[in-house]
Amino acid sequence: MASSEAASKALQQALIASASASGFAITISASDWYRWSTNTFDGAKHVLSLQAPNSSALSNWLRRLKELKIRGHLVADISVVNKRDREGRSDFNLEALTVVEA
């Protein structure tokens, strides 16, 4: 379980750093994860609630999320869920699947 918890923290740090490198800040208001595995892979599913200024930089960043990398884990899938724009801000959820690298 420690590996999944580490993946959760690493995922959050990578998201914050990636957004910052793209010229804006994100706020992660909630984050949860649960262990996920198959016969061949171990990992975790993550659900995060985020807020950011609504901008073209955010839209471009969201399209490039599939390129996100975290040490020791593969970001096997990441998707935007329930994006809502209001008063210059976007509220959205991310769902991600991380897999421990062998």
PDB file of N, CA and C in Angstrom:
ATOM      1  N   MET A   1       0.801  -1.196   0.000  1.00  0.00           N
ATOM      2  CA  MET A   1       0.000   0.000   0.000  1.00  0.00           C
ATOM      3  C   MET A   1       0.843   1.259   0.000  1.00  0.00           C
ATOM      4  N   ALA A   2       2.019   1.198   0.608  1.00  0.00           N
ATOM      5  CA  ALA A   2       2.881   2.367   0.649  1.00  0.00           C
ATOM      6  C   ALA A   2       3.219   2.840  -0.758  1.00  0.00           C
ATOM      7  N   SER A   3       3.356   1.915  -1.699  1.00  0.00           N
ATOM      8  CA  SER A   3       3.666   2.283  -3.075  1.00  0.00           C
ATOM      9  C   SER A   3       2.528   3.080  -3.698  1.00  0.00           C
ATOM     10  N   SER A   4       1.289   2.694  -3.448  1.00  0.00           N
ATOM     11  CA  SER A   4       0.137   3.422  -3.973  1.00  0.00           C
ATOM     12  C   SER A   4       0.026   4.801  -3.347  1.00  0.00           C
ATOM     13  N   GLU A   5       0.306   4.882  -2.078  1.00  0.00           N
ATOM     14  CA  GLU A   5       0.293   6.179  -1.399  1.00  0.00           C
ATOM     15  C   GLU A   5       1.388   7.076  -1.966  1.00  0.00           C
ATOM     16  N   ALA A   6       2.566   6.508  -2.208  1.00  0.00           N
ATOM     17  CA  ALA A   6       3.664   7.267  -2.808  1.00  0.00           C
ATOM     18  C   ALA A   6       3.285   7.721  -4.213  1.00  0.00           C
ATOM     19  N   ALA A   7       2.613   6.856  -4.957  1.00  0.00           N
ATOM     20  CA  ALA A   7       2.170   7.222  -6.302  1.00  0.00           C
ATOM     21  C   ALA A   7       1.181   8.382  -6.247  1.00  0.00           C
ATOM     22  N   SER A   8       0.294   8.371  -5.266  1.00  0.00           N
ATOM     23  CA  SER A   8      -0.678   9.447  -5.114  1.00  0.00           C
ATOM     24  C   SER A   8       0.026  10.781  -4.868  1.00  0.00           C
ATOM     25  N   LYS A   9       0.991  10.791  -3.964  1.00  0.00           N
ATOM     26  CA  LYS A   9       1.736  12.032  -3.678  1.00  0.00           C
ATOM     27  C   LYS A   9       2.547  12.467  -4.888  1.00  0.00           C
ATOM     28  N   ALA A  10       3.195  11.508  -5.559  1.00  0.00           N
ATOM     29  CA  ALA A  10       3.998  11.832  -6.736  1.00  0.00           C
ATOM     30  C   ALA A  10       3.122  12.369  -7.870  1.00  0.00           C
ATOM     31  N   LEU A  11       1.941  11.797  -8.034  1.00  0.00           N
ATOM     32  CA  LEU A  11       1.008  12.259  -9.059  1.00  0.00           C
ATOM     33  C   LEU A  11       0.597  13.703  -8.782  1.00  0.00           C
ATOM     34  N   GLN A  12       0.259  14.007  -7.548  1.00  0.00           N
ATOM     35  CA  GLN A  12      -0.128  15.373  -7.189  1.00  0.00           C
ATOM     36  C   GLN A  12       1.019  16.350  -7.434  1.00  0.00           C
ATOM     37  N   GLN A  13       2.227  15.985  -7.030  1.00  0.00           N
ATOM     38  CA  GLN A  13       3.388  16.859  -7.241  1.00  0.00           C
ATOM     39  C   GLN A  13       3.649  17.068  -8.728  1.00  0.00           C
ATOM     40  N   ALA A  14       3.516  15.998  -9.520  1.00  0.00           N
ATOM     41  CA  ALA A  14       3.744  16.114 -10.960  1.00  0.00           C
ATOM     42  C   ALA A  14       2.691  17.012 -11.615  1.00  0.00           C
ATOM     43  N   LEU A  15       1.447  16.903 -11.182  1.00  0.00           N
ATOM     44  CA  LEU A  15       0.390  17.757 -11.725  1.00  0.00           C
ATOM     45  C   LEU A  15       0.663  19.225 -11.408  1.00  0.00           C
ATOM     46  N   ILE A  16       1.026  19.517 -10.178  1.00  0.00           N
ATOM     47  CA  ILE A  16       1.311  20.896  -9.762  1.00  0.00           C
ATOM     48  C   ILE A  16       2.495  21.448 -10.549  1.00  0.00           C
ATOM     49  N   ALA A  17       3.571  20.662 -10.666  1.00  0.00           N
ATOM     50  CA  ALA A  17       4.765  21.105 -11.395  1.00  0.00           C
ATOM     51  C   ALA A  17       4.464  21.303 -12.885  1.00  0.00           C
ATOM     52  N   SER A  18       3.697  20.394 -13.465  1.00  0.00           N
ATOM     53  CA  SER A  18       3.360  20.482 -14.878  1.00  0.00           C
ATOM     54  C   SER A  18       2.515  21.720 -15.171  1.00  0.00           C
ATOM     55  N   ALA A  19       1.537  21.980 -14.323  1.00  0.00           N
ATOM     56  CA  ALA A  19       0.703  23.176 -14.499  1.00  0.00           C
ATOM     57  C   ALA A  19       1.547  24.438 -14.369  1.00  0.00           C
ATOM     58  N   SER A  20       2.409  24.462 -13.378  1.00  0.00           N
ATOM     59  CA  SER A  20       3.283  25.619 -13.170  1.00  0.00           C
ATOM     60  C   SER A  20       4.179  25.847 -14.391  1.00  0.00           C
ATOM     61  N   ALA A  21       4.726  24.769 -14.946  1.00  0.00           N
ATOM     62  CA  ALA A  21       5.572  24.885 -16.143  1.00  0.00           C
ATOM     63  C   ALA A  21       4.766  25.374 -17.346  1.00  0.00           C
ATOM     64  N   SER A  22       3.453  25.168 -17.299  1.00  0.00           N
ATOM     65  CA  SER A  22       2.576  25.626 -18.382  1.00  0.00           C
ATOM     66  C   SER A  22       2.061  27.043 -18.153  1.00  0.00           C
ATOM     67  N   GLY A  23       2.453  27.653 -17.037  1.00  0.00           N
ATOM     68  CA  GLY A  23       2.148  29.058 -16.808  1.00  0.00           C
ATOM     69  C   GLY A  23       0.948  29.375 -15.941  1.00  0.00           C
ATOM     70  N   PHE A  24       0.464  28.407 -15.190  1.00  0.00           N
ATOM     71  CA  PHE A  24      -0.660  28.686 -14.295  1.00  0.00           C
ATOM     72  C   PHE A  24      -0.572  27.756 -13.083  1.00  0.00           C
ATOM     73  N   ALA A  25      -1.365  28.068 -12.077  1.00  0.00           N
ATOM     74  CA  ALA A  25      -1.375  27.264 -10.849  1.00  0.00           C
ATOM     75  C   ALA A  25      -2.679  26.483 -10.753  1.00  0.00           C
ATOM     76  N   ILE A  26      -2.567  25.280 -10.208  1.00  0.00           N
ATOM     77  CA  ILE A  26      -3.762  24.496  -9.904  1.00  0.00           C
ATOM     78  C   ILE A  26      -3.863  24.347  -8.398  1.00  0.00           C
ATOM     79  N   THR A  27      -5.071  24.129  -7.941  1.00  0.00           N
ATOM     80  CA  THR A  27      -5.326  23.806  -6.547  1.00  0.00           C
ATOM     81  C   THR A  27      -5.962  22.425  -6.518  1.00  0.00           C
ATOM     82  N   ILE A  28      -5.403  21.538  -5.712  1.00  0.00           N
ATOM     83  CA  ILE A  28      -5.989  20.213  -5.532  1.00  0.00           C
ATOM     84  C   ILE A  28      -6.765  20.260  -4.224  1.00  0.00           C
ATOM     85  N   SER A  29      -8.088  20.240  -4.337  1.00  0.00           N
ATOM     86  CA  SER A  29      -8.921  20.393  -3.146  1.00  0.00           C
ATOM     87  C   SER A  29      -9.281  19.059  -2.505  1.00  0.00           C
ATOM     88  N   ALA A  30      -9.182  17.980  -3.259  1.00  0.00           N
ATOM     89  CA  ALA A  30      -9.473  16.650  -2.700  1.00  0.00           C
ATOM     90  C   ALA A  30      -8.732  15.615  -3.535  1.00  0.00           C
ATOM     91  N   SER A  31      -8.335  14.550  -2.856  1.00  0.00           N
ATOM     92  CA  SER A  31      -7.630  13.473  -3.541  1.00  0.00           C
ATOM     93  C   SER A  31      -7.901  12.169  -2.811  1.00  0.00           C
ATOM     94  N   ASP A  32      -8.139  11.129  -3.581  1.00  0.00           N
ATOM     95  CA  ASP A  32      -8.343   9.811  -2.994  1.00  0.00           C
ATOM     96  C   ASP A  32      -7.769   8.776  -3.948  1.00  0.00           C
ATOM     97  N   TRP A  33      -7.447   7.629  -3.436  1.00  0.00           N
ATOM     98  CA  TRP A  33      -6.929   6.548  -4.272  1.00  0.00           C
ATOM     99  C   TRP A  33      -7.329   5.225  -3.647  1.00  0.00           C
ATOM    100  N   TYR A  34      -7.335   4.210  -4.471  1.00  0.00           N
ATOM    101  CA  TYR A  34      -7.513   2.862  -3.950  1.00  0.00           C
ATOM    102  C   TYR A  34      -6.656   1.907  -4.768  1.00  0.00           C
ATOM    103  N   ARG A  35      -6.265   0.863  -4.107  1.00  0.00           N
ATOM    104  CA  ARG A  35      -5.376  -0.121  -4.725  1.00  0.00           C
ATOM    105  C   ARG A  35      -6.081  -0.793  -5.888  1.00  0.00           C
ATOM    106  N   TRP A  36      -5.299  -1.063  -6.917  1.00  0.00           N
ATOM    107  CA  TRP A  36      -5.803  -1.702  -8.120  1.00  0.00           C
ATOM    108  C   TRP A  36      -4.761  -2.728  -8.561  1.00  0.00           C
ATOM    109  N   SER A  37      -5.197  -3.891  -8.985  1.00  0.00           N
ATOM    110  CA  SER A  37      -4.232  -4.877  -9.487  1.00  0.00           C
ATOM    111  C   SER A  37      -4.912  -5.854 -10.433  1.00  0.00           C
ATOM    112  N   THR A  38      -4.080  -6.475 -11.243  1.00  0.00           N
ATOM    113  CA  THR A  38      -4.493  -7.577 -12.102  1.00  0.00           C
ATOM    114  C   THR A  38      -3.511  -8.712 -11.813  1.00  0.00           C
ATOM    115  N   ASN A  39      -3.583  -9.767 -12.574  1.00  0.00           N
ATOM    116  CA  ASN A  39      -2.626 -10.859 -12.380  1.00  0.00           C
ATOM    117  C   ASN A  39      -1.196 -10.422 -12.676  1.00  0.00           C
ATOM    118  N   THR A  40      -1.036  -9.402 -13.510  1.00  0.00           N
ATOM    119  CA  THR A  40       0.314  -8.981 -13.897  1.00  0.00           C
ATOM    120  C   THR A  40       0.736  -7.605 -13.404  1.00  0.00           C
ATOM    121  N   PHE A  41      -0.194  -6.771 -13.022  1.00  0.00           N
ATOM    122  CA  PHE A  41       0.148  -5.401 -12.649  1.00  0.00           C
ATOM    123  C   PHE A  41      -0.393  -5.042 -11.275  1.00  0.00           C
ATOM    124  N   ASP A  42       0.371  -4.201 -10.566  1.00  0.00           N
ATOM    125  CA  ASP A  42      -0.072  -3.599  -9.311  1.00  0.00           C
ATOM    126  C   ASP A  42      -0.065  -2.094  -9.493  1.00  0.00           C
ATOM    127  N   GLY A  43      -1.038  -1.447  -8.921  1.00  0.00           N
ATOM    128  CA  GLY A  43      -1.087  -0.005  -9.041  1.00  0.00           C
ATOM    129  C   GLY A  43      -2.198   0.584  -8.208  1.00  0.00           C
ATOM    130  N   ALA A  44      -2.686   1.736  -8.661  1.00  0.00           N
ATOM    131  CA  ALA A  44      -3.733   2.432  -7.924  1.00  0.00           C
ATOM    132  C   ALA A  44      -4.588   3.243  -8.883  1.00  0.00           C
ATOM    133  N   LYS A  45      -5.847   3.410  -8.520  1.00  0.00           N
ATOM    134  CA  LYS A  45      -6.743   4.338  -9.209  1.00  0.00           C
ATOM    135  C   LYS A  45      -6.848   5.576  -8.333  1.00  0.00           C
ATOM    136  N   HIS A  46      -6.784   6.726  -8.963  1.00  0.00           N
ATOM    137  CA  HIS A  46      -6.774   8.008  -8.263  1.00  0.00           C
ATOM    138  C   HIS A  46      -7.928   8.870  -8.756  1.00  0.00           C
ATOM    139  N   VAL A  47      -8.531   9.600  -7.845  1.00  0.00           N
ATOM    140  CA  VAL A  47      -9.560  10.584  -8.175  1.00  0.00           C
ATOM    141  C   VAL A  47      -9.160  11.877  -7.479  1.00  0.00           C
ATOM    142  N   LEU A  48      -9.044  12.943  -8.260  1.00  0.00           N
ATOM    143  CA  LEU A  48      -8.625  14.231  -7.718  1.00  0.00           C
ATOM    144  C   LEU A  48      -9.609  15.313  -8.137  1.00  0.00           C
ATOM    145  N   SER A  49      -9.863  16.248  -7.241  1.00  0.00           N
ATOM    146  CA  SER A  49     -10.675  17.427  -7.551  1.00  0.00           C
ATOM    147  C   SER A  49      -9.733  18.615  -7.623  1.00  0.00           C
ATOM    148  N   LEU A  50      -9.809  19.363  -8.732  1.00  0.00           N
ATOM    149  CA  LEU A  50      -8.888  20.468  -8.959  1.00  0.00           C
ATOM    150  C   LEU A  50      -9.627  21.724  -9.369  1.00  0.00           C
ATOM    151  N   GLN A  51      -8.953  22.844  -9.172  1.00  0.00           N
ATOM    152  CA  GLN A  51      -9.430  24.135  -9.640  1.00  0.00           C
ATOM    153  C   GLN A  51      -8.243  24.841 -10.287  1.00  0.00           C
ATOM    154  N   ALA A  52      -8.555  25.629 -11.330  1.00  0.00           N
ATOM    155  CA  ALA A  52      -7.524  26.404 -12.018  1.00  0.00           C
ATOM    156  C   ALA A  52      -8.196  27.561 -12.740  1.00  0.00           C
ATOM    157  N   PRO A  53      -7.414  28.606 -13.056  1.00  0.00           N
ATOM    158  CA  PRO A  53      -7.974  29.687 -13.863  1.00  0.00           C
ATOM    159  C   PRO A  53      -8.363  29.140 -15.234  1.00  0.00           C
ATOM    160  N   ASN A  54      -9.520  29.535 -15.725  1.00  0.00           N
ATOM    161  CA  ASN A  54      -9.974  29.100 -17.038  1.00  0.00           C
ATOM    162  C   ASN A  54      -9.184  29.873 -18.093  1.00  0.00           C
ATOM    163  N   SER A  55      -8.424  29.160 -18.907  1.00  0.00           N
ATOM    164  CA  SER A  55      -7.585  29.809 -19.912  1.00  0.00           C
ATOM    165  C   SER A  55      -7.241  28.820 -21.017  1.00  0.00           C
ATOM    166  N   SER A  56      -6.675  29.347 -22.092  1.00  0.00           N
ATOM    167  CA  SER A  56      -6.219  28.464 -23.168  1.00  0.00           C
ATOM    168  C   SER A  56      -5.052  27.611 -22.679  1.00  0.00           C
ATOM    169  N   ALA A  57      -4.237  28.144 -21.756  1.00  0.00           N
ATOM    170  CA  ALA A  57      -3.128  27.355 -21.194  1.00  0.00           C
ATOM    171  C   ALA A  57      -3.666  26.121 -20.473  1.00  0.00           C
ATOM    172  N   LEU A  58      -4.764  26.274 -19.725  1.00  0.00           N
ATOM    173  CA  LEU A  58      -5.381  25.135 -19.044  1.00  0.00           C
ATOM    174  C   LEU A  58      -5.899  24.126 -20.065  1.00  0.00           C
ATOM    175  N   SER A  59      -6.587  24.599 -21.085  1.00  0.00           N
ATOM    176  CA  SER A  59      -7.120  23.687 -22.111  1.00  0.00           C
ATOM    177  C   SER A  59      -6.003  22.891 -22.773  1.00  0.00           C
ATOM    178  N   ASN A  60      -4.908  23.565 -23.121  1.00  0.00           N
ATOM    179  CA  ASN A  60      -3.767  22.878 -23.738  1.00  0.00           C
ATOM    180  C   ASN A  60      -3.150  21.871 -22.771  1.00  0.00           C
ATOM    181  N   TRP A  61      -3.031  22.246 -21.514  1.00  0.00           N
ATOM    182  CA  TRP A  61      -2.456  21.361 -20.493  1.00  0.00           C
ATOM    183  C   TRP A  61      -3.311  20.111 -20.315  1.00  0.00           C
ATOM    184  N   LEU A  62      -4.611  20.290 -20.273  1.00  0.00           N
ATOM    185  CA  LEU A  62      -5.504  19.144 -20.115  1.00  0.00           C
ATOM    186  C   LEU A  62      -5.382  18.177 -21.295  1.00  0.00           C
ATOM    187  N   ARG A  63      -5.167  18.706 -22.490  1.00  0.00           N
ATOM    188  CA  ARG A  63      -4.992  17.837 -23.663  1.00  0.00           C
ATOM    189  C   ARG A  63      -3.678  17.059 -23.602  1.00  0.00           C
ATOM    190  N   ARG A  64      -2.658  17.605 -22.919  1.00  0.00           N
ATOM    191  CA  ARG A  64      -1.341  16.961 -22.848  1.00  0.00           C
ATOM    192  C   ARG A  64      -1.147  16.102 -21.604  1.00  0.00           C
ATOM    193  N   LEU A  65      -2.149  15.928 -20.780  1.00  0.00           N
ATOM    194  CA  LEU A  65      -1.986  15.170 -19.535  1.00  0.00           C
ATOM    195  C   LEU A  65      -1.506  13.739 -19.753  1.00  0.00           C
ATOM    196  N   LYS A  66      -1.821  13.154 -20.875  1.00  0.00           N
ATOM    197  CA  LYS A  66      -1.409  11.764 -21.160  1.00  0.00           C
ATOM    198  C   LYS A  66       0.116  11.625 -21.142  1.00  0.00           C
ATOM    199  N   GLU A  67       0.842  12.735 -21.270  1.00  0.00           N
ATOM    200  CA  GLU A  67       2.305  12.716 -21.293  1.00  0.00           C
ATOM    201  C   GLU A  67       2.914  12.795 -19.883  1.00  0.00           C
ATOM    202  N   LEU A  68       2.080  12.894 -18.861  1.00  0.00           N
ATOM    203  CA  LEU A  68       2.558  13.057 -17.492  1.00  0.00           C
ATOM    204  C   LEU A  68       3.389  11.854 -17.045  1.00  0.00           C
ATOM    205  N   LYS A  69       4.505  12.125 -16.401  1.00  0.00           N
ATOM    206  CA  LYS A  69       5.383  11.058 -15.921  1.00  0.00           C
ATOM    207  C   LYS A  69       5.632  11.236 -14.424  1.00  0.00           C
ATOM    208  N   ILE A  70       5.656  10.104 -13.696  1.00  0.00           N
ATOM    209  CA  ILE A  70       6.038  10.131 -12.288  1.00  0.00           C
ATOM    210  C   ILE A  70       7.038   9.009 -12.050  1.00  0.00           C
ATOM    211  N   ARG A  71       7.971   9.254 -11.202  1.00  0.00           N
ATOM    212  CA  ARG A  71       9.054   8.307 -10.950  1.00  0.00           C
ATOM    213  C   ARG A  71       8.535   7.019 -10.304  1.00  0.00           C
ATOM    214  N   GLY A  72       8.945   5.898 -10.883  1.00  0.00           N
ATOM    215  CA  GLY A  72       8.618   4.597 -10.312  1.00  0.00           C
ATOM    216  C   GLY A  72       7.256   4.051 -10.676  1.00  0.00           C
ATOM    217  N   HIS A  73       6.478   4.864 -11.398  1.00  0.00           N
ATOM    218  CA  HIS A  73       5.126   4.454 -11.789  1.00  0.00           C
ATOM    219  C   HIS A  73       4.847   4.903 -13.217  1.00  0.00           C
ATOM    220  N   LEU A  74       4.052   4.150 -13.882  1.00  0.00           N
ATOM    221  CA  LEU A  74       3.570   4.515 -15.201  1.00  0.00           C
ATOM    222  C   LEU A  74       2.168   5.079 -15.041  1.00  0.00           C
ATOM    223  N   VAL A  75       1.936   6.249 -15.619  1.00  0.00           N
ATOM    224  CA  VAL A  75       0.579   6.793 -15.654  1.00  0.00           C
ATOM    225  C   VAL A  75      -0.093   6.126 -16.854  1.00  0.00           C
ATOM    226  N   ALA A  76      -0.787   5.039 -16.583  1.00  0.00           N
ATOM    227  CA  ALA A  76      -1.370   4.216 -17.643  1.00  0.00           C
ATOM    228  C   ALA A  76      -2.585   4.882 -18.280  1.00  0.00           C
ATOM    229  N   ASP A  77      -3.304   5.681 -17.505  1.00  0.00           N
ATOM    230  CA  ASP A  77      -4.485   6.368 -18.021  1.00  0.00           C
ATOM    231  C   ASP A  77      -4.761   7.573 -17.145  1.00  0.00           C
ATOM    232  N   ILE A  78      -5.189   8.646 -17.762  1.00  0.00           N
ATOM    233  CA  ILE A  78      -5.610   9.832 -17.014  1.00  0.00           C
ATOM    234  C   ILE A  78      -6.664  10.544 -17.854  1.00  0.00           C
ATOM    235  N   SER A  79      -7.751  10.938 -17.208  1.00  0.00           N
ATOM    236  CA  SER A  79      -8.822  11.588 -17.955  1.00  0.00           C
ATOM    237  C   SER A  79      -9.497  12.667 -17.110  1.00  0.00           C
ATOM    238  N   VAL A  80     -10.039  13.634 -17.818  1.00  0.00           N
ATOM    239  CA  VAL A  80     -10.774  14.740 -17.196  1.00  0.00           C
ATOM    240  C   VAL A  80     -12.237  14.340 -17.097  1.00  0.00           C
ATOM    241  N   VAL A  81     -12.804  14.558 -15.911  1.00  0.00           N
ATOM    242  CA  VAL A  81     -14.195  14.209 -15.663  1.00  0.00           C
ATOM    243  C   VAL A  81     -14.902  15.434 -15.072  1.00  0.00           C
ATOM    244  N   ASN A  82     -16.095  15.720 -15.548  1.00  0.00           N
ATOM    245  CA  ASN A  82     -16.946  16.761 -14.950  1.00  0.00           C
ATOM    246  C   ASN A  82     -16.293  18.142 -14.893  1.00  0.00           C
ATOM    247  N   LYS A  83     -15.787  18.636 -15.994  1.00  0.00           N
ATOM    248  CA  LYS A  83     -15.205  19.988 -16.021  1.00  0.00           C
ATOM    249  C   LYS A  83     -16.332  21.019 -16.058  1.00  0.00           C
ATOM    250  N   ARG A  84     -16.258  21.974 -15.152  1.00  0.00           N
ATOM    251  CA  ARG A  84     -17.241  23.045 -15.063  1.00  0.00           C
ATOM    252  C   ARG A  84     -16.508  24.392 -15.056  1.00  0.00           C
ATOM    253  N   ASP A  85     -16.910  25.280 -15.949  1.00  0.00           N
ATOM    254  CA  ASP A  85     -16.304  26.607 -16.027  1.00  0.00           C
ATOM    255  C   ASP A  85     -17.270  27.623 -15.439  1.00  0.00           C
ATOM    256  N   ARG A  86     -16.730  28.489 -14.590  1.00  0.00           N
ATOM    257  CA  ARG A  86     -17.558  29.564 -14.030  1.00  0.00           C
ATOM    258  C   ARG A  86     -16.674  30.683 -13.491  1.00  0.00           C
ATOM    259  N   GLU A  87     -17.103  31.902 -13.800  1.00  0.00           N
ATOM    260  CA  GLU A  87     -16.453  33.116 -13.289  1.00  0.00           C
ATOM    261  C   GLU A  87     -14.934  33.070 -13.405  1.00  0.00           C
ATOM    262  N   GLY A  88     -14.441  32.683 -14.586  1.00  0.00           N
ATOM    263  CA  GLY A  88     -12.999  32.706 -14.817  1.00  0.00           C
ATOM    264  C   GLY A  88     -12.222  31.539 -14.232  1.00  0.00           C
ATOM    265  N   ARG A  89     -12.934  30.596 -13.617  1.00  0.00           N
ATOM    266  CA  ARG A  89     -12.273  29.434 -13.031  1.00  0.00           C
ATOM    267  C   ARG A  89     -12.874  28.155 -13.596  1.00  0.00           C
ATOM    268  N   SER A  90     -12.062  27.114 -13.567  1.00  0.00           N
ATOM    269  CA  SER A  90     -12.540  25.789 -13.955  1.00  0.00           C
ATOM    270  C   SER A  90     -12.410  24.854 -12.766  1.00  0.00           C
ATOM    271  N   ASP A  91     -13.461  24.133 -12.503  1.00  0.00           N
ATOM    272  CA  ASP A  91     -13.451  23.060 -11.505  1.00  0.00           C
ATOM    273  C   ASP A  91     -13.551  21.765 -12.284  1.00  0.00           C
ATOM    274  N   PHE A  92     -12.694  20.806 -11.961  1.00  0.00           N
ATOM    275  CA  PHE A  92     -12.735  19.547 -12.691  1.00  0.00           C
ATOM    276  C   PHE A  92     -12.159  18.424 -11.840  1.00  0.00           C
ATOM    277  N   ASN A  93     -12.515  17.236 -12.231  1.00  0.00           N
ATOM    278  CA  ASN A  93     -11.979  16.041 -11.584  1.00  0.00           C
ATOM    279  C   ASN A  93     -11.071  15.332 -12.575  1.00  0.00           C
ATOM    280  N   LEU A  94     -10.036  14.725 -12.050  1.00  0.00           N
ATOM    281  CA  LEU A  94      -9.179  13.847 -12.837  1.00  0.00           C
ATOM    282  C   LEU A  94      -9.285  12.442 -12.279  1.00  0.00           C
ATOM    283  N   GLU A  95      -9.332  11.480 -13.161  1.00  0.00           N
ATOM    284  CA  GLU A  95      -9.249  10.082 -12.769  1.00  0.00           C
ATOM    285  C   GLU A  95      -7.992   9.539 -13.431  1.00  0.00           C
ATOM    286  N   ALA A  96      -7.158   8.861 -12.659  1.00  0.00           N
ATOM    287  CA  ALA A  96      -5.896   8.336 -13.185  1.00  0.00           C
ATOM    288  C   ALA A  96      -5.668   6.919 -12.705  1.00  0.00           C
ATOM    289  N   LEU A  97      -4.959   6.182 -13.515  1.00  0.00           N
ATOM    290  CA  LEU A  97      -4.530   4.834 -13.163  1.00  0.00           C
ATOM    291  C   LEU A  97      -3.014   4.822 -13.234  1.00  0.00           C
ATOM    292  N   THR A  98      -2.385   4.493 -12.108  1.00  0.00           N
ATOM    293  CA  THR A  98      -0.929   4.367 -12.083  1.00  0.00           C
ATOM    294  C   THR A  98      -0.569   2.907 -11.848  1.00  0.00           C
ATOM    295  N   VAL A  99       0.515   2.488 -12.496  1.00  0.00           N
ATOM    296  CA  VAL A  99       0.984   1.111 -12.393  1.00  0.00           C
ATOM    297  C   VAL A  99       2.445   1.144 -11.950  1.00  0.00           C
ATOM    298  N   VAL A 100       2.786   0.293 -10.989  1.00  0.00           N
ATOM    299  CA  VAL A 100       4.162   0.227 -10.491  1.00  0.00           C
ATOM    300  C   VAL A 100       5.048  -0.292 -11.619  1.00  0.00           C
ATOM    301  N   GLU A 101       6.149   0.433 -11.882  1.00  0.00           N
ATOM    302  CA  GLU A 101       7.095  -0.016 -12.894  1.00  0.00           C
ATOM    303  C   GLU A 101       7.961  -1.118 -12.324  1.00  0.00           C
ATOM    304  N   ALA A 102       8.221  -2.115 -13.140  1.00  0.00           N
ATOM    305  CA  ALA A 102       9.044  -3.244 -12.689  1.00  0.00           C
ATOM    306  C   ALA A 102      10.517  -2.892 -12.740  1.00  0.00           C
TER     307      ALA A 102
END
